[in-house]
Amino acid sequence: PKKGTIKENLKEFVKSYKRNNQKIIAFRLKKEFQNCIPEAIEKANQFLGTPYNDLYILSENQLYCSDFIEKVYRNCSIFEKKMNIGFNFMNLKIQKYHKEI
């Protein structure tokens, strides 16, 4: 997050998570959506260098992880509706963080 949106070697990414005892959850697109991958990669490359959104408030100038995924696949219509952290992703830890700010 400190570096913002970066392209990172998968082995280094996994190693950093193991080192910090964090879990990685991976998903695969259903076969009918896999043709969207090249466009999503192109879009993802356009976001390189975008700052990480550590406040978890929707922003066009910063990204948090799920927001990044929604934006790179937006044209593919794989989500039923636009992600909204206030509705879908707000958990107690984030709520507590917002209260402390």
PDB file of N, CA and C in Angstrom:
ATOM      1  N   PRO A   1       0.795  -1.219   0.000  1.00  0.00           N
ATOM      2  CA  PRO A   1       0.000   0.000   0.000  1.00  0.00           C
ATOM      3  C   PRO A   1       0.831   1.275   0.000  1.00  0.00           C
ATOM      4  N   LYS A   2       2.015   1.250   0.612  1.00  0.00           N
ATOM      5  CA  LYS A   2       2.831   2.463   0.674  1.00  0.00           C
ATOM      6  C   LYS A   2       3.286   2.903  -0.705  1.00  0.00           C
ATOM      7  N   LYS A   3       3.467   1.941  -1.615  1.00  0.00           N
ATOM      8  CA  LYS A   3       3.940   2.253  -2.957  1.00  0.00           C
ATOM      9  C   LYS A   3       2.798   2.574  -3.908  1.00  0.00           C
ATOM     10  N   GLY A   4       1.567   2.360  -3.485  1.00  0.00           N
ATOM     11  CA  GLY A   4       0.441   2.552  -4.387  1.00  0.00           C
ATOM     12  C   GLY A   4       0.289   1.336  -5.287  1.00  0.00           C
ATOM     13  N   THR A   5      -0.271   1.546  -6.463  1.00  0.00           N
ATOM     14  CA  THR A   5      -0.502   0.464  -7.408  1.00  0.00           C
ATOM     15  C   THR A   5       0.790   0.151  -8.145  1.00  0.00           C
ATOM     16  N   ILE A   6       1.259  -1.080  -7.987  1.00  0.00           N
ATOM     17  CA  ILE A   6       2.516  -1.497  -8.610  1.00  0.00           C
ATOM     18  C   ILE A   6       2.331  -2.845  -9.309  1.00  0.00           C
ATOM     19  N   LYS A   7       3.260  -3.146 -10.218  1.00  0.00           N
ATOM     20  CA  LYS A   7       3.324  -4.472 -10.833  1.00  0.00           C
ATOM     21  C   LYS A   7       4.383  -5.224 -10.060  1.00  0.00           C
ATOM     22  N   GLU A   8       4.012  -6.380  -9.521  1.00  0.00           N
ATOM     23  CA  GLU A   8       4.913  -7.112  -8.637  1.00  0.00           C
ATOM     24  C   GLU A   8       5.027  -8.568  -9.079  1.00  0.00           C
ATOM     25  N   ASN A   9       6.213  -9.125  -8.973  1.00  0.00           N
ATOM     26  CA  ASN A   9       6.469 -10.520  -9.266  1.00  0.00           C
ATOM     27  C   ASN A   9       5.644 -11.379  -8.314  1.00  0.00           C
ATOM     28  N   LEU A  10       4.945 -12.396  -8.853  1.00  0.00           N
ATOM     29  CA  LEU A  10       4.062 -13.227  -8.036  1.00  0.00           C
ATOM     30  C   LEU A  10       4.809 -13.913  -6.895  1.00  0.00           C
ATOM     31  N   LYS A  11       5.994 -14.454  -7.169  1.00  0.00           N
ATOM     32  CA  LYS A  11       6.753 -15.135  -6.111  1.00  0.00           C
ATOM     33  C   LYS A  11       7.109 -14.168  -4.984  1.00  0.00           C
ATOM     34  N   GLU A  12       7.506 -12.948  -5.326  1.00  0.00           N
ATOM     35  CA  GLU A  12       7.832 -11.947  -4.302  1.00  0.00           C
ATOM     36  C   GLU A  12       6.588 -11.541  -3.520  1.00  0.00           C
ATOM     37  N   PHE A  13       5.474 -11.422  -4.201  1.00  0.00           N
ATOM     38  CA  PHE A  13       4.209 -11.082  -3.550  1.00  0.00           C
ATOM     39  C   PHE A  13       3.838 -12.143  -2.517  1.00  0.00           C
ATOM     40  N   VAL A  14       3.875 -13.405  -2.926  1.00  0.00           N
ATOM     41  CA  VAL A  14       3.534 -14.510  -2.028  1.00  0.00           C
ATOM     42  C   VAL A  14       4.508 -14.558  -0.859  1.00  0.00           C
ATOM     43  N   LYS A  15       5.790 -14.376  -1.139  1.00  0.00           N
ATOM     44  CA  LYS A  15       6.808 -14.409  -0.087  1.00  0.00           C
ATOM     45  C   LYS A  15       6.551 -13.316   0.958  1.00  0.00           C
ATOM     46  N   SER A  16       6.181 -12.124   0.511  1.00  0.00           N
ATOM     47  CA  SER A  16       5.940 -11.030   1.459  1.00  0.00           C
ATOM     48  C   SER A  16       4.738 -11.321   2.346  1.00  0.00           C
ATOM     49  N   TYR A  17       3.714 -11.962   1.802  1.00  0.00           N
ATOM     50  CA  TYR A  17       2.546 -12.302   2.607  1.00  0.00           C
ATOM     51  C   TYR A  17       2.862 -13.407   3.604  1.00  0.00           C
ATOM     52  N   LYS A  18       3.623 -14.409   3.180  1.00  0.00           N
ATOM     53  CA  LYS A  18       4.015 -15.482   4.098  1.00  0.00           C
ATOM     54  C   LYS A  18       4.870 -14.933   5.226  1.00  0.00           C
ATOM     55  N   ARG A  19       5.764 -14.023   4.888  1.00  0.00           N
ATOM     56  CA  ARG A  19       6.649 -13.424   5.882  1.00  0.00           C
ATOM     57  C   ARG A  19       5.851 -12.694   6.960  1.00  0.00           C
ATOM     58  N   ASN A  20       4.722 -12.113   6.576  1.00  0.00           N
ATOM     59  CA  ASN A  20       3.879 -11.359   7.511  1.00  0.00           C
ATOM     60  C   ASN A  20       2.693 -12.180   8.019  1.00  0.00           C
ATOM     61  N   ASN A  21       2.723 -13.503   7.778  1.00  0.00           N
ATOM     62  CA  ASN A  21       1.649 -14.407   8.210  1.00  0.00           C
ATOM     63  C   ASN A  21       0.270 -13.958   7.736  1.00  0.00           C
ATOM     64  N   GLN A  22       0.196 -13.444   6.509  1.00  0.00           N
ATOM     65  CA  GLN A  22      -1.081 -13.025   5.938  1.00  0.00           C
ATOM     66  C   GLN A  22      -1.550 -14.070   4.941  1.00  0.00           C
ATOM     67  N   LYS A  23      -2.856 -14.126   4.717  1.00  0.00           N
ATOM     68  CA  LYS A  23      -3.435 -15.063   3.770  1.00  0.00           C
ATOM     69  C   LYS A  23      -3.685 -14.385   2.433  1.00  0.00           C
ATOM     70  N   ILE A  24      -3.608 -15.173   1.384  1.00  0.00           N
ATOM     71  CA  ILE A  24      -3.940 -14.718   0.038  1.00  0.00           C
ATOM     72  C   ILE A  24      -5.144 -15.519  -0.421  1.00  0.00           C
ATOM     73  N   ILE A  25      -6.143 -14.835  -0.912  1.00  0.00           N
ATOM     74  CA  ILE A  25      -7.325 -15.497  -1.451  1.00  0.00           C
ATOM     75  C   ILE A  25      -7.364 -15.194  -2.944  1.00  0.00           C
ATOM     76  N   ALA A  26      -7.409 -16.225  -3.755  1.00  0.00           N
ATOM     77  CA  ALA A  26      -7.406 -16.055  -5.210  1.00  0.00           C
ATOM     78  C   ALA A  26      -8.728 -16.535  -5.794  1.00  0.00           C
ATOM     79  N   PHE A  27      -9.175 -15.843  -6.818  1.00  0.00           N
ATOM     80  CA  PHE A  27     -10.395 -16.198  -7.532  1.00  0.00           C
ATOM     81  C   PHE A  27     -10.071 -16.356  -9.008  1.00  0.00           C
ATOM     82  N   ARG A  28     -10.842 -17.156  -9.701  1.00  0.00           N
ATOM     83  CA  ARG A  28     -10.710 -17.309 -11.149  1.00  0.00           C
ATOM     84  C   ARG A  28     -12.020 -16.871 -11.797  1.00  0.00           C
ATOM     85  N   LEU A  29     -11.887 -16.234 -12.953  1.00  0.00           N
ATOM     86  CA  LEU A  29     -13.077 -15.863 -13.703  1.00  0.00           C
ATOM     87  C   LEU A  29     -13.704 -17.103 -14.313  1.00  0.00           C
ATOM     88  N   LYS A  30     -15.025 -17.120 -14.381  1.00  0.00           N
ATOM     89  CA  LYS A  30     -15.705 -18.194 -15.091  1.00  0.00           C
ATOM     90  C   LYS A  30     -15.279 -18.156 -16.554  1.00  0.00           C
ATOM     91  N   LYS A  31     -15.339 -19.284 -17.189  1.00  0.00           N
ATOM     92  CA  LYS A  31     -14.873 -19.415 -18.571  1.00  0.00           C
ATOM     93  C   LYS A  31     -15.475 -18.350 -19.494  1.00  0.00           C
ATOM     94  N   GLU A  32     -16.761 -18.050 -19.324  1.00  0.00           N
ATOM     95  CA  GLU A  32     -17.409 -17.091 -20.230  1.00  0.00           C
ATOM     96  C   GLU A  32     -16.886 -15.655 -20.082  1.00  0.00           C
ATOM     97  N   PHE A  33     -16.141 -15.370 -19.004  1.00  0.00           N
ATOM     98  CA  PHE A  33     -15.589 -14.035 -18.802  1.00  0.00           C
ATOM     99  C   PHE A  33     -14.078 -13.964 -19.061  1.00  0.00           C
ATOM    100  N   GLN A  34     -13.444 -15.080 -19.339  1.00  0.00           N
ATOM    101  CA  GLN A  34     -11.992 -15.081 -19.497  1.00  0.00           C
ATOM    102  C   GLN A  34     -11.513 -14.275 -20.699  1.00  0.00           C
ATOM    103  N   ASN A  35     -12.394 -14.028 -21.681  1.00  0.00           N
ATOM    104  CA  ASN A  35     -12.006 -13.186 -22.808  1.00  0.00           C
ATOM    105  C   ASN A  35     -11.810 -11.726 -22.382  1.00  0.00           C
ATOM    106  N   CYS A  36     -12.216 -11.377 -21.174  1.00  0.00           N
ATOM    107  CA  CYS A  36     -12.057 -10.017 -20.647  1.00  0.00           C
ATOM    108  C   CYS A  36     -10.652  -9.762 -20.098  1.00  0.00           C
ATOM    109  N   ILE A  37      -9.890 -10.815 -19.900  1.00  0.00           N
ATOM    110  CA  ILE A  37      -8.591 -10.682 -19.231  1.00  0.00           C
ATOM    111  C   ILE A  37      -7.627  -9.732 -19.956  1.00  0.00           C
ATOM    112  N   PRO A  38      -7.448  -9.838 -21.283  1.00  0.00           N
ATOM    113  CA  PRO A  38      -6.506  -8.915 -21.940  1.00  0.00           C
ATOM    114  C   PRO A  38      -6.854  -7.435 -21.736  1.00  0.00           C
ATOM    115  N   GLU A  39      -8.133  -7.094 -21.848  1.00  0.00           N
ATOM    116  CA  GLU A  39      -8.549  -5.703 -21.619  1.00  0.00           C
ATOM    117  C   GLU A  39      -8.323  -5.299 -20.163  1.00  0.00           C
ATOM    118  N   ALA A  40      -8.591  -6.212 -19.237  1.00  0.00           N
ATOM    119  CA  ALA A  40      -8.390  -5.918 -17.817  1.00  0.00           C
ATOM    120  C   ALA A  40      -6.909  -5.668 -17.516  1.00  0.00           C
ATOM    121  N   ILE A  41      -6.031  -6.434 -18.122  1.00  0.00           N
ATOM    122  CA  ILE A  41      -4.590  -6.228 -17.930  1.00  0.00           C
ATOM    123  C   ILE A  41      -4.177  -4.862 -18.469  1.00  0.00           C
ATOM    124  N   GLU A  42      -4.697  -4.517 -19.629  1.00  0.00           N
ATOM    125  CA  GLU A  42      -4.397  -3.204 -20.214  1.00  0.00           C
ATOM    126  C   GLU A  42      -4.869  -2.076 -19.294  1.00  0.00           C
ATOM    127  N   LYS A  43      -6.073  -2.217 -18.776  1.00  0.00           N
ATOM    128  CA  LYS A  43      -6.630  -1.212 -17.859  1.00  0.00           C
ATOM    129  C   LYS A  43      -5.811  -1.166 -16.561  1.00  0.00           C
ATOM    130  N   ALA A  44      -5.430  -2.334 -16.042  1.00  0.00           N
ATOM    131  CA  ALA A  44      -4.630  -2.394 -14.811  1.00  0.00           C
ATOM    132  C   ALA A  44      -3.313  -1.645 -14.992  1.00  0.00           C
ATOM    133  N   ASN A  45      -2.695  -1.810 -16.153  1.00  0.00           N
ATOM    134  CA  ASN A  45      -1.436  -1.107 -16.419  1.00  0.00           C
ATOM    135  C   ASN A  45      -1.615   0.407 -16.407  1.00  0.00           C
ATOM    136  N   GLN A  46      -2.796   0.879 -16.777  1.00  0.00           N
ATOM    137  CA  GLN A  46      -3.078   2.320 -16.753  1.00  0.00           C
ATOM    138  C   GLN A  46      -3.140   2.858 -15.324  1.00  0.00           C
ATOM    139  N   PHE A  47      -3.421   1.984 -14.365  1.00  0.00           N
ATOM    140  CA  PHE A  47      -3.517   2.397 -12.967  1.00  0.00           C
ATOM    141  C   PHE A  47      -2.184   2.343 -12.222  1.00  0.00           C
ATOM    142  N   LEU A  48      -1.132   1.851 -12.866  1.00  0.00           N
ATOM    143  CA  LEU A  48       0.172   1.776 -12.183  1.00  0.00           C
ATOM    144  C   LEU A  48       0.567   3.151 -11.656  1.00  0.00           C
ATOM    145  N   GLY A  49       0.994   3.183 -10.412  1.00  0.00           N
ATOM    146  CA  GLY A  49       1.396   4.440  -9.782  1.00  0.00           C
ATOM    147  C   GLY A  49       0.276   5.143  -9.037  1.00  0.00           C
ATOM    148  N   THR A  50      -0.963   4.677  -9.197  1.00  0.00           N
ATOM    149  CA  THR A  50      -2.083   5.289  -8.486  1.00  0.00           C
ATOM    150  C   THR A  50      -1.933   5.030  -6.990  1.00  0.00           C
ATOM    151  N   PRO A  51      -2.066   6.055  -6.153  1.00  0.00           N
ATOM    152  CA  PRO A  51      -1.915   5.873  -4.704  1.00  0.00           C
ATOM    153  C   PRO A  51      -2.942   4.904  -4.130  1.00  0.00           C
ATOM    154  N   TYR A  52      -2.555   4.204  -3.055  1.00  0.00           N
ATOM    155  CA  TYR A  52      -3.453   3.300  -2.346  1.00  0.00           C
ATOM    156  C   TYR A  52      -4.413   4.109  -1.491  1.00  0.00           C
ATOM    157  N   ASN A  53      -5.669   3.714  -1.469  1.00  0.00           N
ATOM    158  CA  ASN A  53      -6.703   4.401  -0.700  1.00  0.00           C
ATOM    159  C   ASN A  53      -6.829   3.749   0.670  1.00  0.00           C
ATOM    160  N   ASP A  54      -6.109   4.254   1.645  1.00  0.00           N
ATOM    161  CA  ASP A  54      -6.147   3.644   2.980  1.00  0.00           C
ATOM    162  C   ASP A  54      -7.268   4.185   3.855  1.00  0.00           C
ATOM    163  N   LEU A  55      -8.088   5.084   3.321  1.00  0.00           N
ATOM    164  CA  LEU A  55      -9.264   5.564   4.064  1.00  0.00           C
ATOM    165  C   LEU A  55     -10.511   4.783   3.679  1.00  0.00           C
ATOM    166  N   TYR A  56     -10.444   3.986   2.604  1.00  0.00           N
ATOM    167  CA  TYR A  56     -11.566   3.173   2.136  1.00  0.00           C
ATOM    168  C   TYR A  56     -12.809   4.002   1.833  1.00  0.00           C
ATOM    169  N   ILE A  57     -12.610   5.177   1.287  1.00  0.00           N
ATOM    170  CA  ILE A  57     -13.689   6.039   0.836  1.00  0.00           C
ATOM    171  C   ILE A  57     -13.535   6.148  -0.671  1.00  0.00           C
ATOM    172  N   LEU A  58     -14.624   5.876  -1.412  1.00  0.00           N
ATOM    173  CA  LEU A  58     -14.533   5.873  -2.867  1.00  0.00           C
ATOM    174  C   LEU A  58     -13.864   7.135  -3.389  1.00  0.00           C
ATOM    175  N   SER A  59     -12.926   6.941  -4.312  1.00  0.00           N
ATOM    176  CA  SER A  59     -12.160   8.045  -4.868  1.00  0.00           C
ATOM    177  C   SER A  59     -11.731   7.690  -6.280  1.00  0.00           C
ATOM    178  N   GLU A  60     -11.693   8.659  -7.158  1.00  0.00           N
ATOM    179  CA  GLU A  60     -11.189   8.431  -8.512  1.00  0.00           C
ATOM    180  C   GLU A  60      -9.670   8.580  -8.565  1.00  0.00           C
ATOM    181  N   ASN A  61      -9.064   9.138  -7.524  1.00  0.00           N
ATOM    182  CA  ASN A  61      -7.624   9.402  -7.519  1.00  0.00           C
ATOM    183  C   ASN A  61      -6.820   8.401  -6.702  1.00  0.00           C
ATOM    184  N   GLN A  62      -7.490   7.528  -5.975  1.00  0.00           N
ATOM    185  CA  GLN A  62      -6.836   6.512  -5.153  1.00  0.00           C
ATOM    186  C   GLN A  62      -7.626   5.207  -5.290  1.00  0.00           C
ATOM    187  N   LEU A  63      -6.946   4.084  -5.045  1.00  0.00           N
ATOM    188  CA  LEU A  63      -7.601   2.778  -5.173  1.00  0.00           C
ATOM    189  C   LEU A  63      -7.352   1.913  -3.959  1.00  0.00           C
ATOM    190  N   TYR A  64      -8.341   1.165  -3.526  1.00  0.00           N
ATOM    191  CA  TYR A  64      -8.138   0.076  -2.577  1.00  0.00           C
ATOM    192  C   TYR A  64      -8.299  -1.203  -3.385  1.00  0.00           C
ATOM    193  N   CYS A  65      -7.917  -2.343  -2.853  1.00  0.00           N
ATOM    194  CA  CYS A  65      -7.777  -3.565  -3.652  1.00  0.00           C
ATOM    195  C   CYS A  65      -9.045  -3.974  -4.401  1.00  0.00           C
ATOM    196  N   SER A  66     -10.186  -4.042  -3.742  1.00  0.00           N
ATOM    197  CA  SER A  66     -11.405  -4.467  -4.430  1.00  0.00           C
ATOM    198  C   SER A  66     -11.884  -3.415  -5.426  1.00  0.00           C
ATOM    199  N   ASP A  67     -11.641  -2.159  -5.142  1.00  0.00           N
ATOM    200  CA  ASP A  67     -11.974  -1.075  -6.057  1.00  0.00           C
ATOM    201  C   ASP A  67     -11.158  -1.227  -7.343  1.00  0.00           C
ATOM    202  N   PHE A  68      -9.896  -1.577  -7.208  1.00  0.00           N
ATOM    203  CA  PHE A  68      -9.012  -1.805  -8.355  1.00  0.00           C
ATOM    204  C   PHE A  68      -9.596  -2.898  -9.257  1.00  0.00           C
ATOM    205  N   ILE A  69      -9.988  -4.020  -8.667  1.00  0.00           N
ATOM    206  CA  ILE A  69     -10.538  -5.146  -9.431  1.00  0.00           C
ATOM    207  C   ILE A  69     -11.824  -4.730 -10.139  1.00  0.00           C
ATOM    208  N   GLU A  70     -12.701  -4.039  -9.440  1.00  0.00           N
ATOM    209  CA  GLU A  70     -13.956  -3.599 -10.061  1.00  0.00           C
ATOM    210  C   GLU A  70     -13.678  -2.692 -11.254  1.00  0.00           C
ATOM    211  N   LYS A  71     -12.736  -1.778 -11.117  1.00  0.00           N
ATOM    212  CA  LYS A  71     -12.452  -0.825 -12.201  1.00  0.00           C
ATOM    213  C   LYS A  71     -11.803  -1.496 -13.411  1.00  0.00           C
ATOM    214  N   VAL A  72     -10.902  -2.451 -13.198  1.00  0.00           N
ATOM    215  CA  VAL A  72     -10.255  -3.072 -14.359  1.00  0.00           C
ATOM    216  C   VAL A  72     -11.216  -4.006 -15.107  1.00  0.00           C
ATOM    217  N   TYR A  73     -12.223  -4.539 -14.431  1.00  0.00           N
ATOM    218  CA  TYR A  73     -13.198  -5.417 -15.085  1.00  0.00           C
ATOM    219  C   TYR A  73     -14.545  -4.743 -15.331  1.00  0.00           C
ATOM    220  N   ARG A  74     -14.648  -3.453 -15.125  1.00  0.00           N
ATOM    221  CA  ARG A  74     -15.934  -2.743 -15.230  1.00  0.00           C
ATOM    222  C   ARG A  74     -16.604  -2.941 -16.595  1.00  0.00           C
ATOM    223  N   ASN A  75     -15.862  -2.855 -17.674  1.00  0.00           N
ATOM    224  CA  ASN A  75     -16.449  -2.985 -19.009  1.00  0.00           C
ATOM    225  C   ASN A  75     -16.927  -4.395 -19.327  1.00  0.00           C
ATOM    226  N   CYS A  76     -16.554  -5.344 -18.519  1.00  0.00           N
ATOM    227  CA  CYS A  76     -16.877  -6.750 -18.766  1.00  0.00           C
ATOM    228  C   CYS A  76     -18.192  -7.169 -18.107  1.00  0.00           C
ATOM    229  N   SER A  77     -18.703  -6.362 -17.223  1.00  0.00           N
ATOM    230  CA  SER A  77     -19.970  -6.644 -16.532  1.00  0.00           C
ATOM    231  C   SER A  77     -19.957  -7.952 -15.749  1.00  0.00           C
ATOM    232  N   ILE A  78     -18.857  -8.218 -15.049  1.00  0.00           N
ATOM    233  CA  ILE A  78     -18.817  -9.434 -14.234  1.00  0.00           C
ATOM    234  C   ILE A  78     -19.431  -9.210 -12.855  1.00  0.00           C
ATOM    235  N   PHE A  79     -19.638  -7.940 -12.483  1.00  0.00           N
ATOM    236  CA  PHE A  79     -20.267  -7.632 -11.197  1.00  0.00           C
ATOM    237  C   PHE A  79     -21.705  -7.211 -11.448  1.00  0.00           C
ATOM    238  N   GLU A  80     -22.599  -7.617 -10.561  1.00  0.00           N
ATOM    239  CA  GLU A  80     -24.004  -7.257 -10.718  1.00  0.00           C
ATOM    240  C   GLU A  80     -24.238  -5.762 -10.537  1.00  0.00           C
ATOM    241  N   LYS A  81     -23.440  -5.157  -9.669  1.00  0.00           N
ATOM    242  CA  LYS A  81     -23.529  -3.714  -9.461  1.00  0.00           C
ATOM    243  C   LYS A  81     -22.159  -3.217  -9.039  1.00  0.00           C
ATOM    244  N   LYS A  82     -21.966  -1.916  -9.124  1.00  0.00           N
ATOM    245  CA  LYS A  82     -20.683  -1.335  -8.746  1.00  0.00           C
ATOM    246  C   LYS A  82     -20.407  -1.597  -7.273  1.00  0.00           C
ATOM    247  N   MET A  83     -19.177  -1.959  -6.974  1.00  0.00           N
ATOM    248  CA  MET A  83     -18.808  -2.195  -5.573  1.00  0.00           C
ATOM    249  C   MET A  83     -18.926  -0.903  -4.781  1.00  0.00           C
ATOM    250  N   ASN A  84     -19.316  -1.057  -3.553  1.00  0.00           N
ATOM    251  CA  ASN A  84     -19.483   0.085  -2.672  1.00  0.00           C
ATOM    252  C   ASN A  84     -19.007  -0.331  -1.293  1.00  0.00           C
ATOM    253  N   ILE A  85     -17.892   0.209  -0.882  1.00  0.00           N
ATOM    254  CA  ILE A  85     -17.302  -0.227   0.391  1.00  0.00           C
ATOM    255  C   ILE A  85     -18.234   0.017   1.569  1.00  0.00           C
ATOM    256  N   GLY A  86     -19.012   1.060   1.528  1.00  0.00           N
ATOM    257  CA  GLY A  86     -19.918   1.343   2.628  1.00  0.00           C
ATOM    258  C   GLY A  86     -20.990   0.281   2.790  1.00  0.00           C
ATOM    259  N   PHE A  87     -21.312  -0.398   1.703  1.00  0.00           N
ATOM    260  CA  PHE A  87     -22.360  -1.418   1.761  1.00  0.00           C
ATOM    261  C   PHE A  87     -21.796  -2.835   1.807  1.00  0.00           C
ATOM    262  N   ASN A  88     -20.839  -3.149   0.942  1.00  0.00           N
ATOM    263  CA  ASN A  88     -20.362  -4.517   0.801  1.00  0.00           C
ATOM    264  C   ASN A  88     -19.156  -4.868   1.664  1.00  0.00           C
ATOM    265  N   PHE A  89     -18.293  -3.932   1.933  1.00  0.00           N
ATOM    266  CA  PHE A  89     -17.014  -4.273   2.521  1.00  0.00           C
ATOM    267  C   PHE A  89     -16.766  -3.688   3.909  1.00  0.00           C
ATOM    268  N   MET A  90     -17.694  -2.929   4.426  1.00  0.00           N
ATOM    269  CA  MET A  90     -17.474  -2.306   5.722  1.00  0.00           C
ATOM    270  C   MET A  90     -17.505  -3.374   6.810  1.00  0.00           C
ATOM    271  N   ASN A  91     -16.403  -3.553   7.493  1.00  0.00           N
ATOM    272  CA  ASN A  91     -16.374  -4.510   8.599  1.00  0.00           C
ATOM    273  C   ASN A  91     -16.068  -3.758   9.893  1.00  0.00           C
ATOM    274  N   LEU A  92     -16.089  -4.456  10.993  1.00  0.00           N
ATOM    275  CA  LEU A  92     -15.899  -3.795  12.286  1.00  0.00           C
ATOM    276  C   LEU A  92     -14.558  -3.098  12.399  1.00  0.00           C
ATOM    277  N   LYS A  93     -13.511  -3.698  11.867  1.00  0.00           N
ATOM    278  CA  LYS A  93     -12.189  -3.085  11.924  1.00  0.00           C
ATOM    279  C   LYS A  93     -12.174  -1.751  11.190  1.00  0.00           C
ATOM    280  N   ILE A  94     -12.782  -1.719  10.008  1.00  0.00           N
ATOM    281  CA  ILE A  94     -12.817  -0.482   9.238  1.00  0.00           C
ATOM    282  C   ILE A  94     -13.716   0.533   9.924  1.00  0.00           C
ATOM    283  N   GLN A  95     -14.871   0.087  10.455  1.00  0.00           N
ATOM    284  CA  GLN A  95     -15.762   1.010  11.151  1.00  0.00           C
ATOM    285  C   GLN A  95     -15.042   1.635  12.341  1.00  0.00           C
ATOM    286  N   LYS A  96     -14.309   0.820  13.082  1.00  0.00           N
ATOM    287  CA  LYS A  96     -13.574   1.334  14.229  1.00  0.00           C
ATOM    288  C   LYS A  96     -12.524   2.352  13.769  1.00  0.00           C
ATOM    289  N   TYR A  97     -11.835   2.047  12.666  1.00  0.00           N
ATOM    290  CA  TYR A  97     -10.828   2.963  12.123  1.00  0.00           C
ATOM    291  C   TYR A  97     -11.457   4.304  11.773  1.00  0.00           C
ATOM    292  N   HIS A  98     -12.634   4.277  11.132  1.00  0.00           N
ATOM    293  CA  HIS A  98     -13.313   5.525  10.771  1.00  0.00           C
ATOM    294  C   HIS A  98     -13.711   6.315  12.016  1.00  0.00           C
ATOM    295  N   LYS A  99     -14.138   5.622  13.063  1.00  0.00           N
ATOM    296  CA  LYS A  99     -14.519   6.312  14.297  1.00  0.00           C
ATOM    297  C   LYS A  99     -13.327   6.971  14.955  1.00  0.00           C
ATOM    298  N   GLU A 100     -12.142   6.335  14.837  1.00  0.00           N
ATOM    299  CA  GLU A 100     -10.943   6.886  15.461  1.00  0.00           C
ATOM    300  C   GLU A 100     -10.409   8.107  14.713  1.00  0.00           C
ATOM    301  N   ILE A 101     -10.720   8.217  13.443  1.00  0.00           N
ATOM    302  CA  ILE A 101     -10.259   9.367  12.648  1.00  0.00           C
ATOM    303  C   ILE A 101     -11.017  10.551  13.068  1.00  0.00           C
TER     304      ILE A 101
END
